[in-house]
Amino acid sequence: MATSLFLIFGTSFVVGLSGAMMPGPLLAVNISEAARRGFRAGPLLILGHAIVELLLVVALVWGLSEVLGQSLVSGIIGVVGGLFLLGMAYALLRQARRVVAPLEVSPQSARQGRRLIATGAVLSVANPYWLIWWATVGTTYVLWSLAAGAIGVVVFYLGHILSDLGWYSMVSLVVARGKRLMSLRVYRGLLLACGVALIGMGVYFVVSGAMFLAED
C-alpha cells in the first residue's frame, strides 16, 4: 500500500508540474501580480485554484464511485487520458526546444484581479485547457487513485496541488526579487524531463485502458 501511495503521489506531482509549467492565463496573472504585490501573489492564486480543484475532485469521486467497476468506462477514460498525456508531452518537448525566456509574458495576456484567491479560482474554471485536462487525465487519475481507497485520492490531490504551489511560488519569488534565479538551461531541462515522464505515463494509461477494454 505504501509503495502504491508513493507512486500515486510522485506521478501526480510530475503530471501537475508539467501542466503548471505550460504558459497560460494563470501564469500570466501570477507574473503580473507578483511584480505588484510580491511573493504572496503565487500562493494566494494557487489557493483559489486549489479550492476549485478540491470541489471538482470530490464531485468526481461521488460520480465515479458507481462506475469504477465498469471495465468499459475505465478503459475509455484510460485510453483518452493517456492520449492526452502524450499530447501534453509533445507540447512540452516542443516548448523546450523553442523557449527563449522562461518567465516572459506580454502585457496584453496579464489580467488584473482585486482578490487573488478569487482570481485564481475564476481563471482556473475559465481555462479550456484546465477543463479538458480534468475531463481526461484528471478523471483517469481519480479512477486510479480510488483503487487505493479514499487515502489514494487524498494523496493524488496533495501531489497535484503541491506541484502547482511549488512552481507558482517559485515564479513569484523570481519576479518579486527581480533576479534570474532560474537559468534558461534549467528551465528547458525541467520541460524536457517532464515531457519524457509524460510519455511514459501516457503509454501506461493507454495500455491499461486497452486492457480494461479487452476485459469488457
C-alpha atoms as a PDB file:
ATOM      1  CA  MET A   1       0.000   0.000   0.000  1.00  0.00           C
ATOM      2  CA  ALA A   2       2.787   2.449   0.898  1.00  0.00           C
ATOM      3  CA  THR A   3       4.507   1.850  -2.440  1.00  0.00           C
ATOM      4  CA  SER A   4       1.263   2.405  -4.297  1.00  0.00           C
ATOM      5  CA  LEU A   5       0.602   5.677  -2.468  1.00  0.00           C
ATOM      6  CA  PHE A   6       4.150   6.854  -3.133  1.00  0.00           C
ATOM      7  CA  LEU A   7       3.668   6.097  -6.835  1.00  0.00           C
ATOM      8  CA  ILE A   8       0.369   7.998  -6.900  1.00  0.00           C
ATOM      9  CA  PHE A   9       1.949  10.998  -5.178  1.00  0.00           C
ATOM     10  CA  GLY A  10       5.082  11.032  -7.333  1.00  0.00           C
ATOM     11  CA  THR A  11       3.355  10.706 -10.683  1.00  0.00           C
ATOM     12  CA  SER A  12       0.595  13.176  -9.805  1.00  0.00           C
ATOM     13  CA  PHE A  13       3.277  15.669  -8.760  1.00  0.00           C
ATOM     14  CA  VAL A  14       5.140  15.274 -12.069  1.00  0.00           C
ATOM     15  CA  VAL A  15       1.967  15.499 -14.160  1.00  0.00           C
ATOM     16  CA  GLY A  16       0.787  18.506 -12.157  1.00  0.00           C
ATOM     17  CA  LEU A  17       4.151  20.217 -12.569  1.00  0.00           C
ATOM     18  CA  SER A  18       4.049  19.598 -16.306  1.00  0.00           C
ATOM     19  CA  GLY A  19       0.697  21.349 -16.561  1.00  0.00           C
ATOM     20  CA  ALA A  20       1.720  24.190 -14.251  1.00  0.00           C
ATOM     21  CA  MET A  21       4.824  24.979 -16.319  1.00  0.00           C
ATOM     22  CA  MET A  22       2.848  25.459 -19.536  1.00  0.00           C
ATOM     23  CA  PRO A  23       2.161  29.139 -20.313  1.00  0.00           C
ATOM     24  CA  GLY A  24      -1.425  30.157 -19.613  1.00  0.00           C
ATOM     25  CA  PRO A  25      -3.648  32.868 -18.106  1.00  0.00           C
ATOM     26  CA  LEU A  26      -2.950  31.860 -14.510  1.00  0.00           C
ATOM     27  CA  LEU A  27       0.815  32.028 -15.046  1.00  0.00           C
ATOM     28  CA  ALA A  28       0.472  35.401 -16.762  1.00  0.00           C
ATOM     29  CA  VAL A  29      -1.531  36.812 -13.850  1.00  0.00           C
ATOM     30  CA  ASN A  30       0.919  35.306 -11.383  1.00  0.00           C
ATOM     31  CA  ILE A  31       3.790  37.170 -13.031  1.00  0.00           C
ATOM     32  CA  SER A  32       1.823  40.418 -13.217  1.00  0.00           C
ATOM     33  CA  GLU A  33       0.609  40.300  -9.611  1.00  0.00           C
ATOM     34  CA  ALA A  34       3.961  39.174  -8.208  1.00  0.00           C
ATOM     35  CA  ALA A  35       5.554  42.240  -9.780  1.00  0.00           C
ATOM     36  CA  ARG A  36       2.986  44.449  -7.991  1.00  0.00           C
ATOM     37  CA  ARG A  37       2.314  42.623  -4.724  1.00  0.00           C
ATOM     38  CA  GLY A  38       5.363  40.468  -4.164  1.00  0.00           C
ATOM     39  CA  PHE A  39       5.849  36.808  -3.365  1.00  0.00           C
ATOM     40  CA  ARG A  40       2.391  36.233  -1.839  1.00  0.00           C
ATOM     41  CA  ALA A  41       0.704  36.504  -5.245  1.00  0.00           C
ATOM     42  CA  GLY A  42       1.606  32.958  -6.281  1.00  0.00           C
ATOM     43  CA  PRO A  43       0.449  31.110  -3.151  1.00  0.00           C
ATOM     44  CA  LEU A  44      -2.798  33.101  -2.980  1.00  0.00           C
ATOM     45  CA  LEU A  45      -3.629  32.473  -6.631  1.00  0.00           C
ATOM     46  CA  ILE A  46      -2.988  28.770  -6.151  1.00  0.00           C
ATOM     47  CA  LEU A  47      -5.186  28.747  -3.041  1.00  0.00           C
ATOM     48  CA  GLY A  48      -8.129  29.779  -5.209  1.00  0.00           C
ATOM     49  CA  HIS A  49      -7.078  27.239  -7.815  1.00  0.00           C
ATOM     50  CA  ALA A  50      -6.816  24.528  -5.139  1.00  0.00           C
ATOM     51  CA  ILE A  51     -10.290  25.215  -3.742  1.00  0.00           C
ATOM     52  CA  VAL A  52     -11.877  24.770  -7.169  1.00  0.00           C
ATOM     53  CA  GLU A  53      -9.919  21.580  -7.814  1.00  0.00           C
ATOM     54  CA  LEU A  54     -10.832  20.145  -4.411  1.00  0.00           C
ATOM     55  CA  LEU A  55     -14.518  20.623  -5.174  1.00  0.00           C
ATOM     56  CA  LEU A  56     -14.002  19.026  -8.579  1.00  0.00           C
ATOM     57  CA  VAL A  57     -12.177  16.008  -7.133  1.00  0.00           C
ATOM     58  CA  VAL A  58     -14.980  15.457  -4.589  1.00  0.00           C
ATOM     59  CA  ALA A  59     -17.545  15.659  -7.381  1.00  0.00           C
ATOM     60  CA  LEU A  60     -15.566  13.199  -9.495  1.00  0.00           C
ATOM     61  CA  VAL A  61     -15.274  10.725  -6.615  1.00  0.00           C
ATOM     62  CA  TRP A  62     -19.007  10.810  -5.971  1.00  0.00           C
ATOM     63  CA  GLY A  63     -19.771  10.370  -9.637  1.00  0.00           C
ATOM     64  CA  LEU A  64     -17.106   7.793 -10.401  1.00  0.00           C
ATOM     65  CA  SER A  65     -17.557   5.537  -7.392  1.00  0.00           C
ATOM     66  CA  GLU A  66     -20.621   3.982  -9.034  1.00  0.00           C
ATOM     67  CA  VAL A  67     -18.900   3.245 -12.326  1.00  0.00           C
ATOM     68  CA  LEU A  68     -15.468   2.269 -11.043  1.00  0.00           C
ATOM     69  CA  GLY A  69     -16.177  -1.423 -11.590  1.00  0.00           C
ATOM     70  CA  GLN A  70     -17.212  -0.976 -15.223  1.00  0.00           C
ATOM     71  CA  SER A  71     -14.324  -2.020 -17.445  1.00  0.00           C
ATOM     72  CA  LEU A  72     -15.687  -0.210 -20.498  1.00  0.00           C
ATOM     73  CA  VAL A  73     -15.796   3.164 -18.730  1.00  0.00           C
ATOM     74  CA  SER A  74     -12.381   2.717 -17.109  1.00  0.00           C
ATOM     75  CA  GLY A  75     -10.897   1.581 -20.416  1.00  0.00           C
ATOM     76  CA  ILE A  76     -12.211   4.519 -22.432  1.00  0.00           C
ATOM     77  CA  ILE A  77     -11.090   7.039 -19.809  1.00  0.00           C
ATOM     78  CA  GLY A  78      -7.668   5.399 -19.588  1.00  0.00           C
ATOM     79  CA  VAL A  79      -7.068   5.466 -23.338  1.00  0.00           C
ATOM     80  CA  VAL A  80      -8.317   9.053 -23.773  1.00  0.00           C
ATOM     81  CA  GLY A  81      -6.376  10.243 -20.729  1.00  0.00           C
ATOM     82  CA  GLY A  82      -3.227   8.529 -21.936  1.00  0.00           C
ATOM     83  CA  LEU A  83      -3.510  10.070 -25.386  1.00  0.00           C
ATOM     84  CA  PHE A  84      -3.982  13.497 -23.828  1.00  0.00           C
ATOM     85  CA  LEU A  85      -0.852  12.951 -21.724  1.00  0.00           C
ATOM     86  CA  LEU A  86       1.074  12.114 -24.897  1.00  0.00           C
ATOM     87  CA  GLY A  87      -0.243  15.325 -26.426  1.00  0.00           C
ATOM     88  CA  MET A  88       0.948  17.246 -23.372  1.00  0.00           C
ATOM     89  CA  ALA A  89       4.354  15.588 -23.711  1.00  0.00           C
ATOM     90  CA  TYR A  90       4.618  16.693 -27.330  1.00  0.00           C
ATOM     91  CA  ALA A  91       3.684  20.270 -26.390  1.00  0.00           C
ATOM     92  CA  LEU A  92       6.237  20.325 -23.567  1.00  0.00           C
ATOM     93  CA  LEU A  93       9.058  18.971 -25.724  1.00  0.00           C
ATOM     94  CA  ARG A  94       8.252  21.484 -28.449  1.00  0.00           C
ATOM     95  CA  GLN A  95       8.165  24.265 -25.855  1.00  0.00           C
ATOM     96  CA  ALA A  96      11.544  23.152 -24.516  1.00  0.00           C
ATOM     97  CA  ARG A  97      13.053  23.436 -27.995  1.00  0.00           C
ATOM     98  CA  ARG A  98      11.567  26.842 -28.786  1.00  0.00           C
ATOM     99  CA  VAL A  99      11.640  28.594 -25.393  1.00  0.00           C
ATOM    100  CA  VAL A 100      13.646  31.819 -25.299  1.00  0.00           C
ATOM    101  CA  ALA A 101      12.810  33.260 -21.868  1.00  0.00           C
ATOM    102  CA  PRO A 102      11.078  31.094 -19.227  1.00  0.00           C
ATOM    103  CA  LEU A 103       9.245  33.931 -17.497  1.00  0.00           C
ATOM    104  CA  GLU A 104       8.443  36.242 -20.385  1.00  0.00           C
ATOM    105  CA  VAL A 105       4.830  37.360 -20.847  1.00  0.00           C
ATOM    106  CA  SER A 106       3.213  40.019 -22.979  1.00  0.00           C
ATOM    107  CA  PRO A 107       1.359  42.861 -21.184  1.00  0.00           C
ATOM    108  CA  GLN A 108      -1.849  42.020 -23.064  1.00  0.00           C
ATOM    109  CA  SER A 109      -2.029  38.492 -21.578  1.00  0.00           C
ATOM    110  CA  ALA A 110      -1.874  39.525 -17.928  1.00  0.00           C
ATOM    111  CA  ARG A 111      -5.289  40.048 -16.359  1.00  0.00           C
ATOM    112  CA  GLN A 112      -5.822  42.075 -13.229  1.00  0.00           C
ATOM    113  CA  GLY A 113      -7.771  40.867 -10.205  1.00  0.00           C
ATOM    114  CA  ARG A 114      -8.718  42.618  -6.992  1.00  0.00           C
ATOM    115  CA  ARG A 115      -8.781  39.471  -4.953  1.00  0.00           C
ATOM    116  CA  LEU A 116      -6.033  36.990  -5.745  1.00  0.00           C
ATOM    117  CA  ILE A 117      -7.810  33.937  -4.359  1.00  0.00           C
ATOM    118  CA  ALA A 118     -10.972  34.639  -6.355  1.00  0.00           C
ATOM    119  CA  THR A 119      -8.874  35.371  -9.433  1.00  0.00           C
ATOM    120  CA  GLY A 120      -7.112  32.018  -9.135  1.00  0.00           C
ATOM    121  CA  ALA A 121     -10.448  30.220  -8.935  1.00  0.00           C
ATOM    122  CA  VAL A 122     -12.064  32.115 -11.810  1.00  0.00           C
ATOM    123  CA  LEU A 123      -9.087  31.785 -14.145  1.00  0.00           C
ATOM    124  CA  SER A 124      -8.951  28.046 -13.484  1.00  0.00           C
ATOM    125  CA  VAL A 125     -12.587  27.456 -14.389  1.00  0.00           C
ATOM    126  CA  ALA A 126     -12.398  29.792 -17.402  1.00  0.00           C
ATOM    127  CA  ASN A 127      -9.386  27.988 -18.892  1.00  0.00           C
ATOM    128  CA  PRO A 128     -10.497  25.467 -21.574  1.00  0.00           C
ATOM    129  CA  TYR A 129      -7.201  23.585 -21.188  1.00  0.00           C
ATOM    130  CA  TRP A 130      -7.948  23.069 -17.477  1.00  0.00           C
ATOM    131  CA  LEU A 131     -11.407  21.683 -18.249  1.00  0.00           C
ATOM    132  CA  ILE A 132     -10.029  19.320 -20.893  1.00  0.00           C
ATOM    133  CA  TRP A 133      -7.274  18.164 -18.530  1.00  0.00           C
ATOM    134  CA  TRP A 134      -9.721  17.235 -15.801  1.00  0.00           C
ATOM    135  CA  ALA A 135     -12.120  15.588 -18.244  1.00  0.00           C
ATOM    136  CA  THR A 136      -9.316  13.285 -19.401  1.00  0.00           C
ATOM    137  CA  VAL A 137      -6.140  12.994 -17.340  1.00  0.00           C
ATOM    138  CA  GLY A 138      -7.686  14.136 -14.049  1.00  0.00           C
ATOM    139  CA  THR A 139     -10.553  11.678 -14.320  1.00  0.00           C
ATOM    140  CA  THR A 140      -8.109   8.899 -15.165  1.00  0.00           C
ATOM    141  CA  TYR A 141      -6.049   9.705 -12.082  1.00  0.00           C
ATOM    142  CA  VAL A 142      -9.087   9.786  -9.808  1.00  0.00           C
ATOM    143  CA  LEU A 143     -10.110   6.373 -11.099  1.00  0.00           C
ATOM    144  CA  TRP A 144      -6.620   5.027 -10.495  1.00  0.00           C
ATOM    145  CA  SER A 145      -6.377   6.604  -7.045  1.00  0.00           C
ATOM    146  CA  LEU A 146      -9.754   5.265  -5.980  1.00  0.00           C
ATOM    147  CA  ALA A 147      -8.348   1.753  -6.270  1.00  0.00           C
ATOM    148  CA  ALA A 148      -6.321   2.577  -3.127  1.00  0.00           C
ATOM    149  CA  GLY A 149      -9.382   3.978  -1.358  1.00  0.00           C
ATOM    150  CA  ALA A 150     -10.051   7.471  -0.057  1.00  0.00           C
ATOM    151  CA  ILE A 151      -6.426   7.858   1.052  1.00  0.00           C
ATOM    152  CA  GLY A 152      -5.340   7.309  -2.544  1.00  0.00           C
ATOM    153  CA  VAL A 153      -7.465  10.226  -3.725  1.00  0.00           C
ATOM    154  CA  VAL A 154      -6.121  12.433  -0.913  1.00  0.00           C
ATOM    155  CA  VAL A 155      -2.526  11.566  -1.851  1.00  0.00           C
ATOM    156  CA  PHE A 156      -3.244  12.272  -5.523  1.00  0.00           C
ATOM    157  CA  TYR A 157      -4.760  15.659  -4.680  1.00  0.00           C
ATOM    158  CA  LEU A 158      -1.857  16.624  -2.420  1.00  0.00           C
ATOM    159  CA  GLY A 159       0.737  15.664  -5.020  1.00  0.00           C
ATOM    160  CA  HIS A 160      -1.095  17.586  -7.711  1.00  0.00           C
ATOM    161  CA  ILE A 161      -1.636  20.749  -5.663  1.00  0.00           C
ATOM    162  CA  LEU A 162       1.871  20.799  -4.179  1.00  0.00           C
ATOM    163  CA  SER A 163       3.331  20.830  -7.686  1.00  0.00           C
ATOM    164  CA  ASP A 164       1.215  23.885  -8.545  1.00  0.00           C
ATOM    165  CA  LEU A 165       2.095  25.585  -5.274  1.00  0.00           C
ATOM    166  CA  GLY A 166       5.807  24.908  -5.671  1.00  0.00           C
ATOM    167  CA  TRP A 167       6.041  26.169  -9.238  1.00  0.00           C
ATOM    168  CA  TYR A 168       3.917  29.294  -8.851  1.00  0.00           C
ATOM    169  CA  SER A 169       5.614  30.203  -5.588  1.00  0.00           C
ATOM    170  CA  MET A 170       8.994  29.946  -7.278  1.00  0.00           C
ATOM    171  CA  VAL A 171       7.821  32.108 -10.174  1.00  0.00           C
ATOM    172  CA  SER A 172       6.551  34.701  -7.685  1.00  0.00           C
ATOM    173  CA  LEU A 173       9.884  34.665  -5.900  1.00  0.00           C
ATOM    174  CA  VAL A 174      11.799  35.179  -9.136  1.00  0.00           C
ATOM    175  CA  VAL A 175       9.587  38.053 -10.265  1.00  0.00           C
ATOM    176  CA  ALA A 176       9.361  39.710  -6.848  1.00  0.00           C
ATOM    177  CA  ARG A 177      13.127  39.747  -6.376  1.00  0.00           C
ATOM    178  CA  GLY A 178      13.751  40.839  -9.930  1.00  0.00           C
ATOM    179  CA  LYS A 179      16.562  38.333 -10.352  1.00  0.00           C
ATOM    180  CA  ARG A 180      17.082  35.478 -12.734  1.00  0.00           C
ATOM    181  CA  LEU A 181      17.042  32.711 -10.160  1.00  0.00           C
ATOM    182  CA  MET A 182      16.330  30.094 -12.827  1.00  0.00           C
ATOM    183  CA  SER A 183      18.505  29.901 -15.911  1.00  0.00           C
ATOM    184  CA  LEU A 184      17.123  29.124 -19.347  1.00  0.00           C
ATOM    185  CA  ARG A 185      19.080  25.854 -19.370  1.00  0.00           C
ATOM    186  CA  VAL A 186      17.494  24.703 -16.099  1.00  0.00           C
ATOM    187  CA  TYR A 187      14.017  25.666 -17.281  1.00  0.00           C
ATOM    188  CA  ARG A 188      14.497  23.825 -20.590  1.00  0.00           C
ATOM    189  CA  GLY A 189      15.825  20.800 -18.707  1.00  0.00           C
ATOM    190  CA  LEU A 190      12.722  20.720 -16.499  1.00  0.00           C
ATOM    191  CA  LEU A 191      10.471  20.867 -19.552  1.00  0.00           C
ATOM    192  CA  LEU A 192      12.378  18.012 -21.210  1.00  0.00           C
ATOM    193  CA  ALA A 193      12.301  15.855 -18.073  1.00  0.00           C
ATOM    194  CA  CYS A 194       8.573  16.379 -17.602  1.00  0.00           C
ATOM    195  CA  GLY A 195       7.944  15.675 -21.277  1.00  0.00           C
ATOM    196  CA  VAL A 196       9.772  12.354 -21.134  1.00  0.00           C
ATOM    197  CA  ALA A 197       7.948  11.416 -17.916  1.00  0.00           C
ATOM    198  CA  LEU A 198       4.595  12.208 -19.535  1.00  0.00           C
ATOM    199  CA  ILE A 199       5.414   9.930 -22.461  1.00  0.00           C
ATOM    200  CA  GLY A 200       5.955   7.041 -20.059  1.00  0.00           C
ATOM    201  CA  MET A 201       2.772   7.733 -18.107  1.00  0.00           C
ATOM    202  CA  GLY A 202       0.767   8.300 -21.290  1.00  0.00           C
ATOM    203  CA  VAL A 203       1.816   4.936 -22.691  1.00  0.00           C
ATOM    204  CA  TYR A 204       0.988   3.294 -19.352  1.00  0.00           C
ATOM    205  CA  PHE A 205      -2.517   4.763 -19.281  1.00  0.00           C
ATOM    206  CA  VAL A 206      -3.206   3.814 -22.912  1.00  0.00           C
ATOM    207  CA  VAL A 207      -2.061   0.230 -22.336  1.00  0.00           C
ATOM    208  CA  SER A 208      -4.003  -0.038 -19.063  1.00  0.00           C
ATOM    209  CA  GLY A 209      -7.120   1.342 -20.745  1.00  0.00           C
ATOM    210  CA  ALA A 210      -6.765  -1.103 -23.626  1.00  0.00           C
ATOM    211  CA  MET A 211      -6.537  -3.975 -21.158  1.00  0.00           C
ATOM    212  CA  PHE A 212      -9.756  -2.829 -19.457  1.00  0.00           C
ATOM    213  CA  LEU A 213     -11.471  -2.694 -22.850  1.00  0.00           C
ATOM    214  CA  ALA A 214     -10.231  -6.183 -23.662  1.00  0.00           C
ATOM    215  CA  GLU A 215     -11.870  -7.478 -20.472  1.00  0.00           C
ATOM    216  CA  ASP A 216     -15.252  -5.976 -21.333  1.00  0.00           C
END
